[in-house]
Structures are given as structure tokens and as C-alpha cells.
Amino acid sequence: MGDSATEKGVRNMKTVTLNRLRRAEGQVRGIIGMVEDGASCPEILTQVSAARSALRNAGLCVLKRHVEFCISDALRSGEEEGRLLIDEMMSVLDRHGI
């Protein structure tokens, strides 16, 4: 049996998110090595910025998945459930300054 478009979309977003997180993980390991090796502060700060960006992009991917699949499914199944998920998402975004 074939997978639904939703299942394929979720799997694709999971793959993209994991790739972004692994990239950030590699960057952090690289930063640790730079600090251990005594790299210059500007070089380290540049890499910290890149790692921060990779994590931000991973977070945006998770947010997109949540909106496209979790919230849209909840809205289709019941108005109250959808509202609760939207309120929860807005609280998380507000708490993290997004």
C-alpha cells in the first residue's frame, strides 16, 4: 500500500530537520575544536553565528511541520482542538521571541 501525501510530507520534513540538526551538531563540534586549538575570537564568533543559524532553520522546519500537519489536522477534526494547538504554538513563539 502507498503512503499518503501527508505521511510522505512528514517523513520529508523529518529528514530535512534531522539534516539541519546534524549540520548544527557538526558546527558545534567544530567550534569546540577551534576553542581547544586557540582559534581567533572573530573566527569562533563566525562559526557560532553559523551554528545559531542552522538551529534556527531546524526550528523553522519543525514549526512548518507543526502548522502544516498537526494544526491543520486538528482544525479539520474539531474547531476547539485546533484553537488549543494554535494557542499553544503562539505561546511557544512568544516565549522564545519568534
PDB file of N, CA and C in Angstrom:
ATOM      1  N   MET A   1       0.817  -1.193   0.000  1.00  0.00           N
ATOM      2  CA  MET A   1       0.000   0.000   0.000  1.00  0.00           C
ATOM      3  C   MET A   1       0.859   1.254   0.000  1.00  0.00           C
ATOM      4  N   GLY A   2       0.458   2.273  -0.723  1.00  0.00           N
ATOM      5  CA  GLY A   2       1.228   3.506  -0.797  1.00  0.00           C
ATOM      6  C   GLY A   2       0.984   4.405   0.399  1.00  0.00           C
ATOM      7  N   ASP A   3       1.948   5.234   0.653  1.00  0.00           N
ATOM      8  CA  ASP A   3       1.819   6.192   1.737  1.00  0.00           C
ATOM      9  C   ASP A   3       1.004   7.382   1.269  1.00  0.00           C
ATOM     10  N   SER A   4       0.316   7.994   2.208  1.00  0.00           N
ATOM     11  CA  SER A   4      -0.430   9.196   1.862  1.00  0.00           C
ATOM     12  C   SER A   4       0.554  10.344   1.659  1.00  0.00           C
ATOM     13  N   ALA A   5       0.057  11.379   1.007  1.00  0.00           N
ATOM     14  CA  ALA A   5       0.887  12.567   0.785  1.00  0.00           C
ATOM     15  C   ALA A   5       1.309  13.177   2.119  1.00  0.00           C
ATOM     16  N   THR A   6       0.423  13.112   3.120  1.00  0.00           N
ATOM     17  CA  THR A   6       0.747  13.651   4.434  1.00  0.00           C
ATOM     18  C   THR A   6       1.891  12.876   5.069  1.00  0.00           C
ATOM     19  N   GLU A   7       1.832  11.544   5.009  1.00  0.00           N
ATOM     20  CA  GLU A   7       2.902  10.723   5.589  1.00  0.00           C
ATOM     21  C   GLU A   7       4.236  10.993   4.896  1.00  0.00           C
ATOM     22  N   LYS A   8       4.199  11.130   3.583  1.00  0.00           N
ATOM     23  CA  LYS A   8       5.428  11.435   2.842  1.00  0.00           C
ATOM     24  C   LYS A   8       5.958  12.810   3.228  1.00  0.00           C
ATOM     25  N   GLY A   9       5.041  13.768   3.367  1.00  0.00           N
ATOM     26  CA  GLY A   9       5.444  15.122   3.761  1.00  0.00           C
ATOM     27  C   GLY A   9       6.077  15.150   5.139  1.00  0.00           C
ATOM     28  N   VAL A  10       5.493  14.402   6.070  1.00  0.00           N
ATOM     29  CA  VAL A  10       6.039  14.344   7.430  1.00  0.00           C
ATOM     30  C   VAL A  10       7.424  13.717   7.398  1.00  0.00           C
ATOM     31  N   ARG A  11       7.578  12.627   6.652  1.00  0.00           N
ATOM     32  CA  ARG A  11       8.888  11.962   6.566  1.00  0.00           C
ATOM     33  C   ARG A  11       9.926  12.882   5.943  1.00  0.00           C
ATOM     34  N   ASN A  12       9.539  13.606   4.889  1.00  0.00           N
ATOM     35  CA  ASN A  12      10.470  14.528   4.236  1.00  0.00           C
ATOM     36  C   ASN A  12      10.897  15.639   5.191  1.00  0.00           C
ATOM     37  N   MET A  13       9.942  16.211   5.904  1.00  0.00           N
ATOM     38  CA  MET A  13      10.287  17.281   6.844  1.00  0.00           C
ATOM     39  C   MET A  13      11.160  16.744   7.973  1.00  0.00           C
ATOM     40  N   LYS A  14      10.909  15.514   8.398  1.00  0.00           N
ATOM     41  CA  LYS A  14      11.739  14.901   9.437  1.00  0.00           C
ATOM     42  C   LYS A  14      13.173  14.774   8.941  1.00  0.00           C
ATOM     43  N   THR A  15      13.330  14.320   7.705  1.00  0.00           N
ATOM     44  CA  THR A  15      14.666  14.168   7.121  1.00  0.00           C
ATOM     45  C   THR A  15      15.367  15.519   7.038  1.00  0.00           C
ATOM     46  N   VAL A  16      14.661  16.524   6.564  1.00  0.00           N
ATOM     47  CA  VAL A  16      15.241  17.867   6.436  1.00  0.00           C
ATOM     48  C   VAL A  16      15.640  18.396   7.812  1.00  0.00           C
ATOM     49  N   THR A  17      14.769  18.224   8.799  1.00  0.00           N
ATOM     50  CA  THR A  17      15.061  18.699  10.151  1.00  0.00           C
ATOM     51  C   THR A  17      16.280  17.995  10.728  1.00  0.00           C
ATOM     52  N   LEU A  18      16.332  16.669  10.590  1.00  0.00           N
ATOM     53  CA  LEU A  18      17.480  15.921  11.102  1.00  0.00           C
ATOM     54  C   LEU A  18      18.771  16.349  10.419  1.00  0.00           C
ATOM     55  N   ASN A  19      18.722  16.589   9.119  1.00  0.00           N
ATOM     56  CA  ASN A  19      19.920  17.049   8.401  1.00  0.00           C
ATOM     57  C   ASN A  19      20.382  18.396   8.930  1.00  0.00           C
ATOM     58  N   ARG A  20      19.451  19.301   9.183  1.00  0.00           N
ATOM     59  CA  ARG A  20      19.808  20.620   9.707  1.00  0.00           C
ATOM     60  C   ARG A  20      20.399  20.512  11.112  1.00  0.00           C
ATOM     61  N   LEU A  21      19.806  19.642  11.938  1.00  0.00           N
ATOM     62  CA  LEU A  21      20.322  19.453  13.298  1.00  0.00           C
ATOM     63  C   LEU A  21      21.706  18.814  13.283  1.00  0.00           C
ATOM     64  N   ARG A  22      21.908  17.869  12.387  1.00  0.00           N
ATOM     65  CA  ARG A  22      23.233  17.242  12.286  1.00  0.00           C
ATOM     66  C   ARG A  22      24.277  18.256  11.816  1.00  0.00           C
ATOM     67  N   ARG A  23      23.872  19.148  10.924  1.00  0.00           N
ATOM     68  CA  ARG A  23      24.784  20.203  10.468  1.00  0.00           C
ATOM     69  C   ARG A  23      25.170  21.100  11.647  1.00  0.00           C
ATOM     70  N   ALA A  24      24.176  21.477  12.442  1.00  0.00           N
ATOM     71  CA  ALA A  24      24.450  22.316  13.614  1.00  0.00           C
ATOM     72  C   ALA A  24      25.339  21.574  14.604  1.00  0.00           C
ATOM     73  N   GLU A  25      25.075  20.293  14.792  1.00  0.00           N
ATOM     74  CA  GLU A  25      25.900  19.491  15.698  1.00  0.00           C
ATOM     75  C   GLU A  25      27.357  19.473  15.234  1.00  0.00           C
ATOM     76  N   GLY A  26      27.572  19.290  13.946  1.00  0.00           N
ATOM     77  CA  GLY A  26      28.929  19.308  13.396  1.00  0.00           C
ATOM     78  C   GLY A  26      29.593  20.657  13.577  1.00  0.00           C
ATOM     79  N   GLN A  27      28.809  21.716  13.401  1.00  0.00           N
ATOM     80  CA  GLN A  27      29.358  23.056  13.581  1.00  0.00           C
ATOM     81  C   GLN A  27      29.769  23.284  15.037  1.00  0.00           C
ATOM     82  N   VAL A  28      28.958  22.820  15.967  1.00  0.00           N
ATOM     83  CA  VAL A  28      29.294  22.989  17.387  1.00  0.00           C
ATOM     84  C   VAL A  28      30.557  22.194  17.721  1.00  0.00           C
ATOM     85  N   ARG A  29      30.663  20.975  17.203  1.00  0.00           N
ATOM     86  CA  ARG A  29      31.898  20.206  17.419  1.00  0.00           C
ATOM     87  C   ARG A  29      33.107  20.957  16.859  1.00  0.00           C
ATOM     88  N   GLY A  30      32.914  21.561  15.693  1.00  0.00           N
ATOM     89  CA  GLY A  30      33.990  22.342  15.092  1.00  0.00           C
ATOM     90  C   GLY A  30      34.370  23.533  15.945  1.00  0.00           C
ATOM     91  N   ILE A  31      33.381  24.189  16.528  1.00  0.00           N
ATOM     92  CA  ILE A  31      33.641  25.343  17.399  1.00  0.00           C
ATOM     93  C   ILE A  31      34.428  24.893  18.629  1.00  0.00           C
ATOM     94  N   ILE A  32      34.036  23.772  19.195  1.00  0.00           N
ATOM     95  CA  ILE A  32      34.763  23.244  20.355  1.00  0.00           C
ATOM     96  C   ILE A  32      36.231  23.019  19.988  1.00  0.00           C
ATOM     97  N   GLY A  33      36.451  22.428  18.832  1.00  0.00           N
ATOM     98  CA  GLY A  33      37.824  22.209  18.371  1.00  0.00           C
ATOM     99  C   GLY A  33      38.576  23.516  18.173  1.00  0.00           C
ATOM    100  N   MET A  34      37.887  24.511  17.635  1.00  0.00           N
ATOM    101  CA  MET A  34      38.524  25.809  17.430  1.00  0.00           C
ATOM    102  C   MET A  34      38.945  26.425  18.756  1.00  0.00           C
ATOM    103  N   VAL A  35      38.070  26.347  19.756  1.00  0.00           N
ATOM    104  CA  VAL A  35      38.391  26.895  21.071  1.00  0.00           C
ATOM    105  C   VAL A  35      39.565  26.133  21.666  1.00  0.00           C
ATOM    106  N   GLU A  36      39.528  24.803  21.579  1.00  0.00           N
ATOM    107  CA  GLU A  36      40.622  23.990  22.110  1.00  0.00           C
ATOM    108  C   GLU A  36      41.948  24.309  21.428  1.00  0.00           C
ATOM    109  N   ASP A  37      41.890  24.603  20.131  1.00  0.00           N
ATOM    110  CA  ASP A  37      43.104  24.884  19.355  1.00  0.00           C
ATOM    111  C   ASP A  37      43.536  26.343  19.424  1.00  0.00           C
ATOM    112  N   GLY A  38      42.750  27.182  20.096  1.00  0.00           N
ATOM    113  CA  GLY A  38      43.130  28.582  20.248  1.00  0.00           C
ATOM    114  C   GLY A  38      42.861  29.440  19.017  1.00  0.00           C
ATOM    115  N   ALA A  39      41.811  29.133  18.276  1.00  0.00           N
ATOM    116  CA  ALA A  39      41.454  29.940  17.104  1.00  0.00           C
ATOM    117  C   ALA A  39      41.110  31.367  17.537  1.00  0.00           C
ATOM    118  N   SER A  40      41.143  32.272  16.589  1.00  0.00           N
ATOM    119  CA  SER A  40      40.852  33.672  16.919  1.00  0.00           C
ATOM    120  C   SER A  40      39.379  33.849  17.286  1.00  0.00           C
ATOM    121  N   CYS A  41      39.135  34.822  18.128  1.00  0.00           N
ATOM    122  CA  CYS A  41      37.763  35.105  18.558  1.00  0.00           C
ATOM    123  C   CYS A  41      36.826  35.406  17.386  1.00  0.00           C
ATOM    124  N   PRO A  42      37.232  36.246  16.416  1.00  0.00           N
ATOM    125  CA  PRO A  42      36.338  36.501  15.284  1.00  0.00           C
ATOM    126  C   PRO A  42      35.988  35.227  14.501  1.00  0.00           C
ATOM    127  N   GLU A  43      36.953  34.328  14.341  1.00  0.00           N
ATOM    128  CA  GLU A  43      36.671  33.070  13.640  1.00  0.00           C
ATOM    129  C   GLU A  43      35.672  32.232  14.428  1.00  0.00           C
ATOM    130  N   ILE A  44      35.856  32.170  15.728  1.00  0.00           N
ATOM    131  CA  ILE A  44      34.934  31.400  16.572  1.00  0.00           C
ATOM    132  C   ILE A  44      33.540  32.012  16.523  1.00  0.00           C
ATOM    133  N   LEU A  45      33.464  33.333  16.635  1.00  0.00           N
ATOM    134  CA  LEU A  45      32.161  34.001  16.611  1.00  0.00           C
ATOM    135  C   LEU A  45      31.432  33.795  15.281  1.00  0.00           C
ATOM    136  N   THR A  46      32.181  33.768  14.202  1.00  0.00           N
ATOM    137  CA  THR A  46      31.576  33.496  12.889  1.00  0.00           C
ATOM    138  C   THR A  46      30.944  32.111  12.876  1.00  0.00           C
ATOM    139  N   GLN A  47      31.639  31.134  13.434  1.00  0.00           N
ATOM    140  CA  GLN A  47      31.111  29.770  13.466  1.00  0.00           C
ATOM    141  C   GLN A  47      29.938  29.631  14.443  1.00  0.00           C
ATOM    142  N   VAL A  48      29.983  30.368  15.553  1.00  0.00           N
ATOM    143  CA  VAL A  48      28.850  30.371  16.484  1.00  0.00           C
ATOM    144  C   VAL A  48      27.612  30.914  15.777  1.00  0.00           C
ATOM    145  N   SER A  49      27.796  31.967  15.005  1.00  0.00           N
ATOM    146  CA  SER A  49      26.684  32.542  14.248  1.00  0.00           C
ATOM    147  C   SER A  49      26.123  31.535  13.244  1.00  0.00           C
ATOM    148  N   ALA A  50      27.001  30.799  12.575  1.00  0.00           N
ATOM    149  CA  ALA A  50      26.556  29.786  11.609  1.00  0.00           C
ATOM    150  C   ALA A  50      25.787  28.671  12.310  1.00  0.00           C
ATOM    151  N   ALA A  51      26.256  28.244  13.471  1.00  0.00           N
ATOM    152  CA  ALA A  51      25.564  27.184  14.219  1.00  0.00           C
ATOM    153  C   ALA A  51      24.203  27.674  14.697  1.00  0.00           C
ATOM    154  N   ARG A  52      24.151  28.910  15.148  1.00  0.00           N
ATOM    155  CA  ARG A  52      22.885  29.502  15.579  1.00  0.00           C
ATOM    156  C   ARG A  52      21.888  29.538  14.412  1.00  0.00           C
ATOM    157  N   SER A  53      22.365  29.891  13.249  1.00  0.00           N
ATOM    158  CA  SER A  53      21.517  29.933  12.062  1.00  0.00           C
ATOM    159  C   SER A  53      21.008  28.536  11.694  1.00  0.00           C
ATOM    160  N   ALA A  54      21.879  27.542  11.792  1.00  0.00           N
ATOM    161  CA  ALA A  54      21.460  26.164  11.487  1.00  0.00           C
ATOM    162  C   ALA A  54      20.379  25.707  12.462  1.00  0.00           C
ATOM    163  N   LEU A  55      20.520  26.039  13.739  1.00  0.00           N
ATOM    164  CA  LEU A  55      19.494  25.679  14.721  1.00  0.00           C
ATOM    165  C   LEU A  55      18.191  26.429  14.469  1.00  0.00           C
ATOM    166  N   ARG A  56      18.307  27.697  14.095  1.00  0.00           N
ATOM    167  CA  ARG A  56      17.103  28.484  13.784  1.00  0.00           C
ATOM    168  C   ARG A  56      16.363  27.852  12.614  1.00  0.00           C
ATOM    169  N   ASN A  57      17.094  27.456  11.582  1.00  0.00           N
ATOM    170  CA  ASN A  57      16.468  26.836  10.420  1.00  0.00           C
ATOM    171  C   ASN A  57      15.821  25.492  10.768  1.00  0.00           C
ATOM    172  N   ALA A  58      16.444  24.741  11.653  1.00  0.00           N
ATOM    173  CA  ALA A  58      15.840  23.483  12.111  1.00  0.00           C
ATOM    174  C   ALA A  58      14.544  23.774  12.850  1.00  0.00           C
ATOM    175  N   GLY A  59      14.567  24.788  13.691  1.00  0.00           N
ATOM    176  CA  GLY A  59      13.355  25.177  14.417  1.00  0.00           C
ATOM    177  C   GLY A  59      12.242  25.613  13.487  1.00  0.00           C
ATOM    178  N   LEU A  60      12.584  26.355  12.456  1.00  0.00           N
ATOM    179  CA  LEU A  60      11.572  26.782  11.488  1.00  0.00           C
ATOM    180  C   LEU A  60      10.983  25.593  10.746  1.00  0.00           C
ATOM    181  N   CYS A  61      11.805  24.594  10.486  1.00  0.00           N
ATOM    182  CA  CYS A  61      11.318  23.383   9.831  1.00  0.00           C
ATOM    183  C   CYS A  61      10.321  22.655  10.736  1.00  0.00           C
ATOM    184  N   VAL A  62      10.633  22.568  12.026  1.00  0.00           N
ATOM    185  CA  VAL A  62       9.708  21.940  12.984  1.00  0.00           C
ATOM    186  C   VAL A  62       8.416  22.744  13.052  1.00  0.00           C
ATOM    187  N   LEU A  63       8.520  24.063  13.080  1.00  0.00           N
ATOM    188  CA  LEU A  63       7.341  24.925  13.113  1.00  0.00           C
ATOM    189  C   LEU A  63       6.479  24.697  11.874  1.00  0.00           C
ATOM    190  N   LYS A  64       7.100  24.633  10.724  1.00  0.00           N
ATOM    191  CA  LYS A  64       6.359  24.407   9.478  1.00  0.00           C
ATOM    192  C   LYS A  64       5.629  23.064   9.532  1.00  0.00           C
ATOM    193  N   ARG A  65       6.324  22.034  10.014  1.00  0.00           N
ATOM    194  CA  ARG A  65       5.703  20.712  10.132  1.00  0.00           C
ATOM    195  C   ARG A  65       4.502  20.777  11.066  1.00  0.00           C
ATOM    196  N   HIS A  66       4.655  21.472  12.173  1.00  0.00           N
ATOM    197  CA  HIS A  66       3.576  21.586  13.147  1.00  0.00           C
ATOM    198  C   HIS A  66       2.349  22.266  12.537  1.00  0.00           C
ATOM    199  N   VAL A  67       2.590  23.353  11.822  1.00  0.00           N
ATOM    200  CA  VAL A  67       1.478  24.087  11.222  1.00  0.00           C
ATOM    201  C   VAL A  67       0.834  23.278  10.096  1.00  0.00           C
ATOM    202  N   GLU A  68       1.656  22.726   9.207  1.00  0.00           N
ATOM    203  CA  GLU A  68       1.112  22.029   8.039  1.00  0.00           C
ATOM    204  C   GLU A  68       0.392  20.734   8.385  1.00  0.00           C
ATOM    205  N   PHE A  69       0.861  20.050   9.406  1.00  0.00           N
ATOM    206  CA  PHE A  69       0.287  18.744   9.685  1.00  0.00           C
ATOM    207  C   PHE A  69      -0.502  18.712  10.993  1.00  0.00           C
ATOM    208  N   CYS A  70       0.104  19.064  12.104  1.00  0.00           N
ATOM    209  CA  CYS A  70      -0.570  18.955  13.400  1.00  0.00           C
ATOM    210  C   CYS A  70      -1.762  19.909  13.505  1.00  0.00           C
ATOM    211  N   ILE A  71      -1.513  21.185  13.259  1.00  0.00           N
ATOM    212  CA  ILE A  71      -2.583  22.171  13.411  1.00  0.00           C
ATOM    213  C   ILE A  71      -3.642  22.010  12.337  1.00  0.00           C
ATOM    214  N   SER A  72      -3.226  21.803  11.090  1.00  0.00           N
ATOM    215  CA  SER A  72      -4.235  21.665  10.030  1.00  0.00           C
ATOM    216  C   SER A  72      -5.106  20.430  10.267  1.00  0.00           C
ATOM    217  N   ASP A  73      -4.514  19.318  10.738  1.00  0.00           N
ATOM    218  CA  ASP A  73      -5.306  18.129  11.068  1.00  0.00           C
ATOM    219  C   ASP A  73      -6.271  18.417  12.208  1.00  0.00           C
ATOM    220  N   ALA A  74      -5.788  19.125  13.225  1.00  0.00           N
ATOM    221  CA  ALA A  74      -6.633  19.458  14.373  1.00  0.00           C
ATOM    222  C   ALA A  74      -7.794  20.352  13.957  1.00  0.00           C
ATOM    223  N   LEU A  75      -7.535  21.303  13.072  1.00  0.00           N
ATOM    224  CA  LEU A  75      -8.602  22.191  12.610  1.00  0.00           C
ATOM    225  C   LEU A  75      -9.655  21.426  11.820  1.00  0.00           C
ATOM    226  N   ARG A  76      -9.207  20.441  11.048  1.00  0.00           N
ATOM    227  CA  ARG A  76     -10.166  19.619  10.292  1.00  0.00           C
ATOM    228  C   ARG A  76     -11.005  18.733  11.213  1.00  0.00           C
ATOM    229  N   SER A  77     -10.398  18.259  12.300  1.00  0.00           N
ATOM    230  CA  SER A  77     -11.110  17.319  13.169  1.00  0.00           C
ATOM    231  C   SER A  77     -12.003  18.009  14.200  1.00  0.00           C
ATOM    232  N   GLY A  78     -11.677  19.212  14.553  1.00  0.00           N
ATOM    233  CA  GLY A  78     -12.515  19.912  15.518  1.00  0.00           C
ATOM    234  C   GLY A  78     -11.997  21.297  15.808  1.00  0.00           C
ATOM    235  N   GLU A  79     -12.923  22.235  15.837  1.00  0.00           N
ATOM    236  CA  GLU A  79     -12.547  23.634  15.998  1.00  0.00           C
ATOM    237  C   GLU A  79     -11.813  23.891  17.313  1.00  0.00           C
ATOM    238  N   GLU A  80     -12.287  23.312  18.418  1.00  0.00           N
ATOM    239  CA  GLU A  80     -11.678  23.563  19.721  1.00  0.00           C
ATOM    240  C   GLU A  80     -10.256  23.019  19.788  1.00  0.00           C
ATOM    241  N   GLU A  81     -10.047  21.821  19.288  1.00  0.00           N
ATOM    242  CA  GLU A  81      -8.708  21.224  19.297  1.00  0.00           C
ATOM    243  C   GLU A  81      -7.731  22.082  18.493  1.00  0.00           C
ATOM    244  N   GLY A  82      -8.175  22.569  17.348  1.00  0.00           N
ATOM    245  CA  GLY A  82      -7.332  23.429  16.520  1.00  0.00           C
ATOM    246  C   GLY A  82      -6.979  24.715  17.224  1.00  0.00           C
ATOM    247  N   ARG A  83      -7.955  25.298  17.893  1.00  0.00           N
ATOM    248  CA  ARG A  83      -7.698  26.539  18.632  1.00  0.00           C
ATOM    249  C   ARG A  83      -6.690  26.316  19.749  1.00  0.00           C
ATOM    250  N   LEU A  84      -6.811  25.190  20.441  1.00  0.00           N
ATOM    251  CA  LEU A  84      -5.872  24.897  21.525  1.00  0.00           C
ATOM    252  C   LEU A  84      -4.445  24.764  20.993  1.00  0.00           C
ATOM    253  N   LEU A  85      -4.282  24.095  19.861  1.00  0.00           N
ATOM    254  CA  LEU A  85      -2.945  23.950  19.279  1.00  0.00           C
ATOM    255  C   LEU A  85      -2.395  25.286  18.797  1.00  0.00           C
ATOM    256  N   ILE A  86      -3.239  26.117  18.233  1.00  0.00           N
ATOM    257  CA  ILE A  86      -2.801  27.445  17.794  1.00  0.00           C
ATOM    258  C   ILE A  86      -2.369  28.276  19.003  1.00  0.00           C
ATOM    259  N   ASP A  87      -3.161  28.246  20.066  1.00  0.00           N
ATOM    260  CA  ASP A  87      -2.801  28.981  21.292  1.00  0.00           C
ATOM    261  C   ASP A  87      -1.476  28.477  21.852  1.00  0.00           C
ATOM    262  N   GLU A  88      -1.298  27.152  21.854  1.00  0.00           N
ATOM    263  CA  GLU A  88      -0.055  26.571  22.343  1.00  0.00           C
ATOM    264  C   GLU A  88       1.126  27.031  21.495  1.00  0.00           C
ATOM    265  N   MET A  89       0.965  27.010  20.176  1.00  0.00           N
ATOM    266  CA  MET A  89       2.033  27.425  19.286  1.00  0.00           C
ATOM    267  C   MET A  89       2.371  28.899  19.496  1.00  0.00           C
ATOM    268  N   MET A  90       1.362  29.737  19.626  1.00  0.00           N
ATOM    269  CA  MET A  90       1.609  31.160  19.825  1.00  0.00           C
ATOM    270  C   MET A  90       2.338  31.414  21.151  1.00  0.00           C
ATOM    271  N   SER A  91       2.003  30.641  22.172  1.00  0.00           N
ATOM    272  CA  SER A  91       2.688  30.760  23.456  1.00  0.00           C
ATOM    273  C   SER A  91       4.165  30.403  23.331  1.00  0.00           C
ATOM    274  N   VAL A  92       4.445  29.333  22.614  1.00  0.00           N
ATOM    275  CA  VAL A  92       5.839  28.924  22.403  1.00  0.00           C
ATOM    276  C   VAL A  92       6.594  29.992  21.609  1.00  0.00           C
ATOM    277  N   LEU A  93       5.982  30.502  20.565  1.00  0.00           N
ATOM    278  CA  LEU A  93       6.631  31.542  19.756  1.00  0.00           C
ATOM    279  C   LEU A  93       6.890  32.796  20.588  1.00  0.00           C
ATOM    280  N   ASP A  94       5.932  33.178  21.411  1.00  0.00           N
ATOM    281  CA  ASP A  94       6.101  34.359  22.253  1.00  0.00           C
ATOM    282  C   ASP A  94       7.192  34.134  23.286  1.00  0.00           C
ATOM    283  N   ARG A  95       7.210  32.968  23.901  1.00  0.00           N
ATOM    284  CA  ARG A  95       8.200  32.657  24.930  1.00  0.00           C
ATOM    285  C   ARG A  95       9.616  32.698  24.389  1.00  0.00           C
ATOM    286  N   HIS A  96       9.773  32.339  23.120  1.00  0.00           N
ATOM    287  CA  HIS A  96      11.096  32.288  22.523  1.00  0.00           C
ATOM    288  C   HIS A  96      11.409  33.485  21.635  1.00  0.00           C
ATOM    289  N   GLY A  97      10.536  34.476  21.655  1.00  0.00           N
ATOM    290  CA  GLY A  97      10.802  35.706  20.926  1.00  0.00           C
ATOM    291  C   GLY A  97      10.805  35.540  19.418  1.00  0.00           C
ATOM    292  N   ILE A  98       9.963  34.662  18.930  1.00  0.00           N
ATOM    293  CA  ILE A  98       9.909  34.417  17.478  1.00  0.00           C
ATOM    294  C   ILE A  98       8.774  35.216  16.875  1.00  0.00           C
TER     295      ILE A  98
END
